[in-house]
Structures are given as structure tokens and as C-alpha cells.
N, C-alpha and C. Protein backbone atom coordinates (compact mmCIF):
# COMPACT_ATOMS: atom_id res chain seq x y z
N MET A 1 126.45 51.18 84.67
CA MET A 1 126.75 50.55 85.62
C MET A 1 127.65 49.47 85.59
N ARG A 2 128.50 49.18 86.58
CA ARG A 2 129.80 48.19 86.64
C ARG A 2 129.56 47.64 87.92
N ILE A 3 130.92 46.79 88.19
CA ILE A 3 130.81 45.89 89.27
C ILE A 3 132.00 46.70 90.22
N ILE A 4 131.61 46.68 91.12
CA ILE A 4 131.91 47.60 92.29
C ILE A 4 133.15 47.21 93.29
N GLY A 5 133.32 45.81 93.27
CA GLY A 5 134.19 45.00 94.19
C GLY A 5 134.79 43.72 93.46
N GLY A 6 136.12 43.15 94.39
CA GLY A 6 136.59 41.88 94.08
C GLY A 6 137.49 42.02 92.60
N ARG A 7 137.81 40.95 92.26
CA ARG A 7 138.42 40.90 91.05
C ARG A 7 138.00 41.47 89.76
N LEU A 8 136.82 41.74 89.68
CA LEU A 8 136.11 42.27 88.42
C LEU A 8 136.13 43.62 88.39
N ARG A 9 136.09 44.09 89.46
CA ARG A 9 135.90 45.75 89.94
C ARG A 9 136.20 46.54 88.78
N GLY A 10 135.33 47.17 88.50
CA GLY A 10 135.38 48.29 87.49
C GLY A 10 134.74 47.80 85.97
N LYS A 11 134.85 46.48 86.13
CA LYS A 11 134.31 46.05 84.61
C LYS A 11 132.83 46.48 84.26
N SER A 12 132.56 47.07 83.40
CA SER A 12 131.19 47.41 82.87
C SER A 12 130.11 46.57 82.52
N LEU A 13 128.77 46.75 82.84
CA LEU A 13 127.96 45.42 82.82
C LEU A 13 126.73 46.35 82.05
N GLU A 14 125.86 45.80 80.80
CA GLU A 14 124.69 46.17 80.24
C GLU A 14 123.62 46.00 81.31
N TRP A 15 122.43 46.73 80.87
CA TRP A 15 121.51 46.65 82.21
C TRP A 15 120.36 46.54 81.06
N VAL A 16 119.08 46.42 81.34
CA VAL A 16 117.77 45.99 80.79
C VAL A 16 117.18 47.35 80.79
N SER A 17 116.79 47.80 79.83
CA SER A 17 116.01 48.96 79.66
C SER A 17 114.30 49.14 79.22
N ASN A 18 113.67 48.97 80.46
CA ASN A 18 112.23 48.87 80.18
C ASN A 18 111.35 49.59 81.68
N ALA A 19 110.52 49.35 81.55
CA ALA A 19 109.86 49.74 82.45
C ALA A 19 109.56 49.22 83.78
N THR A 20 109.82 48.35 83.79
CA THR A 20 110.14 47.23 85.00
C THR A 20 111.27 46.96 85.92
N THR A 21 112.31 46.96 84.96
CA THR A 21 113.37 46.72 85.51
C THR A 21 114.30 48.04 85.72
N ARG A 22 114.72 47.93 86.89
CA ARG A 22 115.66 49.66 87.25
C ARG A 22 116.95 48.87 87.80
N PRO A 23 118.24 49.21 87.35
CA PRO A 23 119.39 48.77 88.15
C PRO A 23 119.65 49.48 89.65
N THR A 24 120.16 48.56 90.37
CA THR A 24 120.26 49.05 91.72
C THR A 24 121.74 50.04 91.53
N THR A 25 121.63 51.37 92.21
CA THR A 25 122.91 52.34 92.14
C THR A 25 124.08 51.53 92.79
N ASP A 26 124.84 52.25 92.29
CA ASP A 26 126.55 51.88 92.93
C ASP A 26 126.58 52.03 94.28
N ARG A 27 126.21 53.19 94.61
CA ARG A 27 125.88 53.72 95.97
C ARG A 27 125.03 52.53 96.76
N VAL A 28 123.96 52.28 96.37
CA VAL A 28 123.16 51.40 97.18
C VAL A 28 124.12 49.70 97.16
N LYS A 29 124.46 49.51 96.25
CA LYS A 29 124.73 48.18 96.09
C LYS A 29 126.07 48.39 96.86
N GLU A 30 126.85 49.32 96.87
CA GLU A 30 127.94 49.28 97.68
C GLU A 30 127.69 48.95 99.07
N ASN A 31 126.57 49.76 99.58
CA ASN A 31 126.03 49.71 101.00
C ASN A 31 125.50 48.34 101.19
N ILE A 32 124.87 47.53 100.50
CA ILE A 32 124.51 46.18 100.46
C ILE A 32 125.41 45.34 100.56
N PHE A 33 126.68 45.47 99.97
CA PHE A 33 127.90 44.65 100.02
C PHE A 33 128.80 44.64 101.28
N ASN A 34 128.77 45.91 101.86
CA ASN A 34 129.16 46.40 103.14
C ASN A 34 128.76 45.67 104.33
N VAL A 35 127.40 45.71 103.92
CA VAL A 35 126.32 44.96 105.37
C VAL A 35 126.85 43.55 105.30
N LEU A 36 126.63 43.06 103.99
CA LEU A 36 127.23 41.57 103.67
C LEU A 36 128.38 41.10 104.42
N THR A 37 129.16 42.27 103.84
CA THR A 37 130.57 41.58 104.55
C THR A 37 130.81 41.76 105.70
N SER A 38 130.25 42.50 106.48
CA SER A 38 130.34 42.67 107.91
C SER A 38 129.61 41.77 108.60
N SER A 39 128.09 41.26 108.12
CA SER A 39 127.53 39.98 108.54
C SER A 39 128.14 38.97 108.60
N GLY A 40 129.43 38.68 107.89
CA GLY A 40 130.01 37.18 107.82
C GLY A 40 129.68 36.51 106.54
N ILE A 41 129.41 36.99 105.53
CA ILE A 41 129.14 35.91 104.32
C ILE A 41 130.22 35.79 103.61
N ASP A 42 130.54 34.77 103.70
CA ASP A 42 131.69 34.02 102.85
C ASP A 42 131.44 33.77 101.54
N PHE A 43 131.59 34.74 100.50
CA PHE A 43 131.28 34.60 99.03
C PHE A 43 132.01 33.60 98.64
N THR A 44 133.20 33.01 98.79
CA THR A 44 133.80 31.91 98.22
C THR A 44 132.89 30.68 98.52
N ARG A 45 132.08 30.73 99.51
CA ARG A 45 131.63 29.46 99.67
C ARG A 45 129.85 29.77 99.57
N ALA A 46 129.49 30.77 99.22
CA ALA A 46 127.87 30.95 99.10
C ALA A 46 127.27 30.71 98.09
N ASN A 47 126.04 29.66 98.36
CA ASN A 47 125.08 29.41 97.02
C ASN A 47 123.94 30.55 97.23
N VAL A 48 124.44 31.01 96.09
CA VAL A 48 123.74 32.52 95.68
C VAL A 48 122.59 32.46 94.78
N LEU A 49 121.17 32.98 95.22
CA LEU A 49 120.14 32.80 94.54
C LEU A 49 119.62 34.29 94.12
N CYS A 50 119.43 34.54 92.81
CA CYS A 50 119.01 36.28 92.47
C CYS A 50 117.80 35.69 91.55
N LEU A 51 116.85 35.71 92.50
CA LEU A 51 115.48 35.53 92.00
C LEU A 51 114.69 36.50 90.97
N PHE A 52 115.22 37.79 90.98
CA PHE A 52 114.40 38.88 90.24
C PHE A 52 115.50 39.50 89.63
N SER A 53 116.54 38.90 88.64
CA SER A 53 117.76 39.19 88.72
C SER A 53 117.95 40.56 87.68
N GLY A 54 117.08 40.63 86.68
CA GLY A 54 117.47 41.79 85.71
C GLY A 54 118.59 41.78 85.04
N SER A 55 119.87 42.30 85.18
CA SER A 55 120.93 42.34 84.35
C SER A 55 121.77 41.48 85.24
N GLY A 56 121.53 40.89 86.23
CA GLY A 56 122.31 40.14 86.84
C GLY A 56 123.23 41.02 87.77
N GLN A 57 123.38 41.86 87.83
CA GLN A 57 124.62 42.52 88.55
C GLN A 57 124.87 42.02 89.98
N MET A 58 123.74 41.78 90.70
CA MET A 58 124.12 41.33 92.25
C MET A 58 124.51 39.92 92.17
N GLY A 59 124.44 39.07 91.38
CA GLY A 59 124.75 37.86 90.92
C GLY A 59 126.40 37.77 90.52
N ILE A 60 126.63 38.74 89.84
CA ILE A 60 127.81 39.06 89.16
C ILE A 60 128.71 39.57 90.11
N GLU A 61 128.31 40.57 90.92
CA GLU A 61 129.00 41.16 92.23
C GLU A 61 129.65 39.99 92.94
N CYS A 62 128.71 39.02 93.14
CA CYS A 62 128.86 38.03 94.19
C CYS A 62 130.29 37.32 93.34
N TYR A 63 129.95 36.66 91.75
CA TYR A 63 131.07 36.13 91.25
C TYR A 63 132.60 36.89 91.50
N SER A 64 132.42 38.14 91.44
CA SER A 64 133.84 39.15 91.22
C SER A 64 134.29 38.92 92.68
N ARG A 65 133.43 38.48 93.62
CA ARG A 65 133.99 38.57 95.13
C ARG A 65 134.33 36.60 95.40
N GLY A 66 134.39 36.27 94.78
CA GLY A 66 134.75 34.81 94.81
C GLY A 66 133.30 33.38 95.01
N SER A 67 132.45 33.92 94.82
CA SER A 67 131.04 33.09 94.47
C SER A 67 131.31 32.20 93.24
N GLU A 68 131.07 30.68 93.16
CA GLU A 68 131.05 30.10 91.88
C GLU A 68 129.51 29.71 91.62
N ASN A 69 128.65 29.34 92.94
CA ASN A 69 127.14 28.98 92.63
C ASN A 69 126.49 29.83 92.65
N ILE A 70 126.02 30.45 91.77
CA ILE A 70 124.86 31.39 91.64
C ILE A 70 123.91 30.94 90.97
N THR A 71 122.60 31.25 91.09
CA THR A 71 121.53 31.06 89.94
C THR A 71 120.54 32.13 89.91
N PHE A 72 120.36 32.47 88.73
CA PHE A 72 119.54 33.57 88.68
C PHE A 72 118.45 33.33 87.78
N ASN A 73 117.38 34.09 87.86
CA ASN A 73 116.15 33.96 87.53
C ASN A 73 115.39 35.20 87.08
N ASP A 74 114.74 35.16 85.74
CA ASP A 74 113.97 36.58 85.49
C ASP A 74 113.03 35.97 84.38
N ILE A 75 111.78 36.51 84.56
CA ILE A 75 110.85 35.73 83.74
C ILE A 75 110.74 36.57 82.47
N ASP A 76 111.57 37.86 82.25
CA ASP A 76 111.67 38.44 81.13
C ASP A 76 113.20 38.43 79.97
N LYS A 77 112.78 37.94 79.05
CA LYS A 77 113.50 36.95 77.78
C LYS A 77 114.98 38.13 77.69
N ASN A 78 114.47 39.02 77.45
CA ASN A 78 115.49 40.32 77.46
C ASN A 78 116.60 40.56 78.53
N ALA A 79 115.85 40.27 80.04
CA ALA A 79 116.79 40.40 80.79
C ALA A 79 117.77 39.05 80.79
N ARG A 80 117.18 37.77 80.68
CA ARG A 80 118.04 36.55 80.87
C ARG A 80 119.07 36.92 79.40
N ASP A 81 118.73 37.39 78.33
CA ASP A 81 119.72 37.74 77.23
C ASP A 81 120.83 38.72 77.95
N ILE A 82 120.78 39.71 78.44
CA ILE A 82 121.77 40.63 79.15
C ILE A 82 122.32 39.76 80.26
N ILE A 83 121.77 39.11 81.36
CA ILE A 83 122.65 38.15 82.22
C ILE A 83 123.54 37.35 81.46
N LYS A 84 123.13 36.34 80.42
CA LYS A 84 124.02 35.59 79.42
C LYS A 84 125.43 36.70 79.31
N LYS A 85 125.04 37.94 78.50
CA LYS A 85 126.13 38.68 77.89
C LYS A 85 126.75 39.11 79.11
N ASN A 86 126.37 39.49 80.18
CA ASN A 86 127.18 40.14 81.00
C ASN A 86 128.19 39.07 81.83
N CYS A 87 127.63 37.88 81.84
CA CYS A 87 128.16 36.85 82.54
C CYS A 87 129.39 36.37 81.36
N ALA A 88 129.12 36.25 80.27
CA ALA A 88 130.37 36.02 79.15
C ALA A 88 131.41 36.78 79.05
N VAL A 89 131.12 38.09 79.51
CA VAL A 89 132.02 39.36 79.69
C VAL A 89 132.75 38.72 81.00
N CYS A 90 132.33 38.27 81.80
CA CYS A 90 132.87 38.18 82.87
C CYS A 90 133.41 36.55 82.92
N ASN A 91 133.36 35.79 82.25
CA ASN A 91 133.83 34.43 81.91
C ASN A 91 133.11 33.56 82.95
N PHE A 92 131.86 33.73 83.14
CA PHE A 92 130.95 32.63 84.02
C PHE A 92 130.00 32.43 83.53
N VAL A 93 129.89 30.79 83.51
CA VAL A 93 128.96 30.32 82.91
C VAL A 93 127.70 30.12 84.02
N PRO A 94 126.62 30.59 83.69
CA PRO A 94 125.53 30.84 84.58
C PRO A 94 124.31 29.70 84.66
N HIS A 95 123.40 29.65 85.80
CA HIS A 95 122.65 28.77 85.72
C HIS A 95 121.52 29.85 85.74
N ILE A 96 120.41 29.74 84.52
CA ILE A 96 119.54 30.84 84.82
C ILE A 96 118.20 30.23 84.28
N TYR A 97 117.21 30.49 85.02
CA TYR A 97 115.73 30.16 85.05
C TYR A 97 115.25 31.12 84.58
N GLY A 98 113.95 31.18 83.91
CA GLY A 98 112.95 32.10 83.27
C GLY A 98 111.90 32.00 83.34
N PHE A 99 111.08 31.59 84.85
CA PHE A 99 109.96 31.52 85.36
C PHE A 99 109.56 32.66 86.03
N ASP A 100 108.00 32.53 86.41
CA ASP A 100 107.70 33.07 87.67
C ASP A 100 108.44 32.74 88.78
N TYR A 101 108.68 33.59 89.65
CA TYR A 101 109.92 33.63 90.67
C TYR A 101 109.05 32.36 91.51
N LEU A 102 107.82 32.21 91.54
CA LEU A 102 107.48 30.86 92.39
C LEU A 102 107.36 29.69 91.76
N ASP A 103 107.33 29.43 90.84
CA ASP A 103 107.74 28.54 89.92
C ASP A 103 109.06 28.16 90.13
N THR A 104 109.75 29.13 89.68
CA THR A 104 111.59 28.73 90.11
C THR A 104 111.77 28.31 91.54
N LEU A 105 110.97 28.71 92.44
CA LEU A 105 111.42 28.48 93.92
C LEU A 105 111.07 26.77 93.80
N THR A 106 109.69 26.45 93.30
CA THR A 106 109.21 25.32 93.33
C THR A 106 110.25 24.60 92.58
N LYS A 107 110.67 24.58 91.54
CA LYS A 107 111.66 24.10 91.10
C LYS A 107 113.01 24.05 91.73
N LEU A 108 113.47 24.90 92.55
CA LEU A 108 114.50 24.46 93.09
C LEU A 108 114.38 23.96 94.78
N LYS A 109 113.36 23.44 94.86
CA LYS A 109 113.09 23.20 96.36
C LYS A 109 114.36 21.30 96.48
N GLY A 110 114.67 21.77 97.68
CA GLY A 110 115.73 20.83 97.89
C GLY A 110 117.10 21.19 98.08
N GLN A 111 117.33 22.51 97.62
CA GLN A 111 118.46 23.24 97.46
C GLN A 111 118.48 24.16 98.55
N LYS A 112 119.50 24.58 99.01
CA LYS A 112 119.99 25.45 100.08
C LYS A 112 121.01 26.89 99.54
N PHE A 113 120.15 28.00 100.12
CA PHE A 113 120.96 29.14 99.86
C PHE A 113 121.62 29.76 101.14
N ASP A 114 122.74 30.46 100.60
CA ASP A 114 123.27 31.53 101.89
C ASP A 114 122.88 32.99 101.66
N LEU A 115 122.56 33.22 100.39
CA LEU A 115 122.46 34.39 100.12
C LEU A 115 121.49 34.60 99.00
N VAL A 116 120.44 35.29 98.91
CA VAL A 116 119.32 35.26 98.11
C VAL A 116 118.89 37.11 97.99
N PHE A 117 119.03 37.24 96.70
CA PHE A 117 118.23 38.77 96.38
C PHE A 117 117.26 38.72 95.80
N LEU A 118 116.32 39.66 96.29
CA LEU A 118 114.98 39.53 95.69
C LEU A 118 114.96 41.01 95.68
N ASP A 119 114.89 41.60 93.97
CA ASP A 119 114.62 42.59 93.43
C ASP A 119 113.54 42.89 92.53
N PRO A 120 112.40 42.58 93.20
CA PRO A 120 111.15 42.74 91.95
C PRO A 120 110.83 44.00 91.65
N PRO A 121 109.87 43.96 90.42
CA PRO A 121 109.56 45.59 90.27
C PRO A 121 108.77 45.90 91.18
N PHE A 122 108.91 47.46 91.35
CA PHE A 122 108.37 47.92 92.78
C PHE A 122 106.74 47.99 93.02
N ALA A 123 106.17 47.72 91.76
CA ALA A 123 104.76 47.53 91.41
C ALA A 123 104.25 46.03 92.46
N ASP A 124 105.39 45.08 92.32
CA ASP A 124 104.80 43.67 92.66
C ASP A 124 105.15 43.68 94.33
N ILE A 125 104.32 44.61 95.28
CA ILE A 125 104.87 44.79 96.60
C ILE A 125 104.86 43.77 97.23
N GLY A 126 104.04 42.52 97.16
CA GLY A 126 103.89 41.12 97.95
C GLY A 126 104.74 40.17 97.57
N ALA A 127 105.49 40.45 96.53
CA ALA A 127 106.88 39.36 95.87
C ALA A 127 107.76 38.87 97.23
N PRO A 128 108.43 40.10 97.66
CA PRO A 128 109.49 39.94 98.77
C PRO A 128 108.97 39.03 99.87
N VAL A 129 107.74 39.26 100.45
CA VAL A 129 107.18 38.65 101.55
C VAL A 129 106.70 37.06 101.12
N LYS A 130 106.02 37.01 99.85
CA LYS A 130 105.73 35.89 99.51
C LYS A 130 107.17 34.78 99.34
N ALA A 131 108.11 35.56 98.50
CA ALA A 131 109.27 34.51 98.33
C ALA A 131 110.24 34.38 99.44
N SER A 132 110.26 35.11 100.33
CA SER A 132 111.06 34.69 101.51
C SER A 132 110.32 33.91 102.63
N SER A 133 108.89 33.97 102.42
CA SER A 133 108.35 33.06 103.19
C SER A 133 108.27 31.47 102.84
N PHE A 134 108.20 31.78 101.22
CA PHE A 134 108.47 30.36 100.69
C PHE A 134 109.90 29.75 101.04
N LEU A 135 110.94 30.47 100.84
CA LEU A 135 112.32 29.82 101.20
C LEU A 135 112.36 29.43 102.73
N LEU A 136 111.68 30.10 103.21
CA LEU A 136 111.68 29.67 104.71
C LEU A 136 110.68 28.55 105.42
N SER A 137 109.85 28.43 104.79
CA SER A 137 108.89 27.48 105.04
C SER A 137 109.16 25.94 104.19
N ASN A 138 109.87 26.53 103.37
CA ASN A 138 110.43 24.78 102.50
C ASN A 138 112.00 24.64 102.73
N ASN A 139 112.43 25.29 103.98
CA ASN A 139 113.55 24.99 104.36
C ASN A 139 115.03 25.14 103.45
N MET A 140 114.61 26.04 102.64
CA MET A 140 115.87 26.52 101.16
C MET A 140 116.93 27.40 101.77
N LEU A 141 116.74 27.50 103.21
CA LEU A 141 117.93 28.52 103.59
C LEU A 141 119.23 27.84 104.76
N ASN A 142 120.26 27.89 104.35
CA ASN A 142 120.96 27.60 105.31
C ASN A 142 121.07 28.37 106.53
N PRO A 143 121.80 27.59 107.74
CA PRO A 143 122.05 28.57 108.91
C PRO A 143 122.58 29.68 108.42
N ASN A 144 122.34 31.08 109.31
CA ASN A 144 122.68 32.31 108.73
C ASN A 144 122.72 32.99 107.44
N ALA A 145 121.75 32.48 106.76
CA ALA A 145 121.53 32.85 105.55
C ALA A 145 120.97 34.26 105.57
N ILE A 146 121.00 35.42 104.54
CA ILE A 146 120.80 36.44 104.47
C ILE A 146 119.96 36.64 102.95
N ILE A 147 118.84 37.22 103.00
CA ILE A 147 117.92 37.66 102.15
C ILE A 147 117.96 39.07 102.10
N VAL A 148 118.53 39.57 100.47
CA VAL A 148 118.41 41.08 100.64
C VAL A 148 117.23 41.55 99.81
N ALA A 149 116.24 42.10 100.14
CA ALA A 149 115.16 42.34 99.39
C ALA A 149 115.10 44.01 99.36
N GLU A 150 114.87 44.55 98.09
CA GLU A 150 114.91 45.66 97.38
C GLU A 150 113.56 45.85 97.03
N THR A 151 113.08 46.87 97.85
CA THR A 151 111.62 47.54 97.47
C THR A 151 111.46 49.16 97.55
N GLU A 152 110.29 49.60 97.28
CA GLU A 152 110.06 50.94 97.88
C GLU A 152 109.14 51.29 99.00
N THR A 153 108.74 49.84 99.35
CA THR A 153 107.56 49.94 100.51
C THR A 153 108.46 49.89 101.77
N PRO A 154 108.21 51.06 102.53
CA PRO A 154 109.10 50.77 104.00
C PRO A 154 108.17 50.34 105.06
N ASP A 155 107.21 49.63 105.18
CA ASP A 155 106.59 48.98 106.25
C ASP A 155 106.39 47.20 105.80
N LEU A 156 106.95 46.66 105.07
CA LEU A 156 106.56 44.98 104.89
C LEU A 156 106.98 44.40 106.19
N GLU A 157 106.32 43.43 106.13
CA GLU A 157 106.05 42.69 107.35
C GLU A 157 106.75 41.14 107.10
N PHE A 158 108.00 40.93 107.58
CA PHE A 158 108.86 39.32 107.62
C PHE A 158 108.63 38.58 108.68
N GLY A 159 107.79 37.54 108.45
CA GLY A 159 107.68 36.78 109.82
C GLY A 159 108.83 35.52 109.69
N GLY A 160 109.40 35.58 110.75
CA GLY A 160 110.31 34.34 110.84
C GLY A 160 112.12 34.77 110.90
N PHE A 161 112.13 36.16 110.35
CA PHE A 161 113.54 36.64 110.24
C PHE A 161 114.17 37.94 111.11
N ASP A 162 115.15 37.82 111.57
CA ASP A 162 115.33 39.04 112.11
C ASP A 162 115.70 40.24 111.24
N VAL A 163 115.10 41.28 111.14
CA VAL A 163 115.01 42.22 110.07
C VAL A 163 115.59 43.58 110.50
N ARG A 164 116.84 44.02 109.41
CA ARG A 164 117.36 45.08 109.11
C ARG A 164 116.78 46.12 108.04
N VAL A 165 116.46 47.18 108.21
CA VAL A 165 115.95 47.89 107.43
C VAL A 165 116.88 49.08 106.90
N LYS A 166 117.18 49.28 105.66
CA LYS A 166 118.08 50.70 105.09
C LYS A 166 117.47 51.40 104.51
N ASN A 167 117.21 52.79 104.24
CA ASN A 167 116.44 53.61 103.13
C ASN A 167 117.67 54.52 102.59
N TYR A 168 117.37 54.23 101.08
CA TYR A 168 118.29 54.89 100.28
C TYR A 168 117.55 55.56 99.08
N GLY A 169 116.93 56.57 99.61
CA GLY A 169 115.94 57.45 98.77
C GLY A 169 115.04 56.58 98.58
N ARG A 170 114.43 56.06 97.41
CA ARG A 170 113.29 55.61 97.10
C ARG A 170 113.30 53.98 97.35
N ALA A 171 114.59 53.62 97.46
CA ALA A 171 114.86 52.02 97.44
C ALA A 171 114.84 51.89 98.88
N VAL A 172 114.28 51.04 99.30
CA VAL A 172 114.18 50.27 100.83
C VAL A 172 114.60 48.96 100.53
N ILE A 173 116.02 48.86 101.71
CA ILE A 173 116.59 47.69 101.54
C ILE A 173 116.22 46.81 102.78
N TYR A 174 115.81 45.68 102.67
CA TYR A 174 115.48 44.87 103.75
C TYR A 174 116.56 43.55 103.89
N PHE A 175 117.38 43.35 105.14
CA PHE A 175 118.29 42.32 105.17
C PHE A 175 117.63 41.53 106.18
N LEU A 176 117.09 40.57 105.74
CA LEU A 176 116.35 39.15 106.58
C LEU A 176 117.42 37.91 107.07
N CYS A 177 117.85 38.12 108.43
CA CYS A 177 118.47 37.02 108.36
C CYS A 177 117.91 35.80 109.36
N THR A 178 118.59 34.64 109.12
CA THR A 178 118.07 33.51 109.52
C THR A 178 118.57 33.35 111.01
């Protein structure tokens, strides 16, 4: 796994190897960042939240493109250790939470985000809808914010967003725009 864009392009990252964590492939990641760039996300100003961080690759990809304010969350201690290692290799000091995603969102109330990554274990089908609904109903999204949700479920219903869906084999990517 590697960083695909920005000033750290080509740098290798470690990943978590377990049954519930799977890294986003370079092909899918490249397509996600192409959509984000064409949608006008200014990475240099974006407040980013990676709610199911795994290795931290999506947040670190944002850092490579100029983001400085990135919050990571993963309930798995091994994942948090990998995030710390990957950020250290990139000379970045991260903000990392280690709670259930709804507990983390509750702790972050009052903050607003421009870009949110939701990549829960595929077995947790309801997490993207619950998390996006929480963010919206608690006014935690800036105008023109984008939530990127990765799942394997092609027919999720997200209320209150303009939704764009892209399929990449098993992965289904939802772009939720405010």
C-alpha cells in the first residue's frame, strides 16, 4: 500500500492485517481522489475526519495533498498503532480517537468537517447511514462537505444528501454531498 498523490507520492504505508480491516485498493483510492478534486475539495483548507481509519491511508493521502487538520478514529488498538507508525513516517502528528464511531462523533460535536471518510467493516452495513445521519443532524458538516462511504452494499439510502454512487468490483463508493 502506498500514497498515490501529493508531496508524499510513492511512500509505502503499513496496513492492518485482520478479518475486519481491508485497505482500499490504489485503483479505488485514485478514483475517489479524482472525484474529490473535481468536486472542488481544497485539501489545504479541509477539516478531515476518518471515522473507521484502519491504516490511516485516506487521511494520510489528504495530508500528502496539503491537509493539516485530520482526525482519525479506529476502535482497534492495532489499527491505531499502525496509524501512529504511518503518520510518523510522514512526519505528521495525528489526532487519534479509539472509540466506537458513535461515541467519537458525540465527543466531536461542535466541530465541523469538510471531508469525512466512512469505511467500516463490510459486515457493519448500517454504520455509514447512521454516521452520516449523525453528522448531518448535529450540524457537523461545513457547506459543500463531502462524505465518502465505502461499503459492499449497493442500495443504501442516505437522507438529506445529494448522492453519487460508483461501483468498483466488491467495493461500492457513495459520495454524499451537502
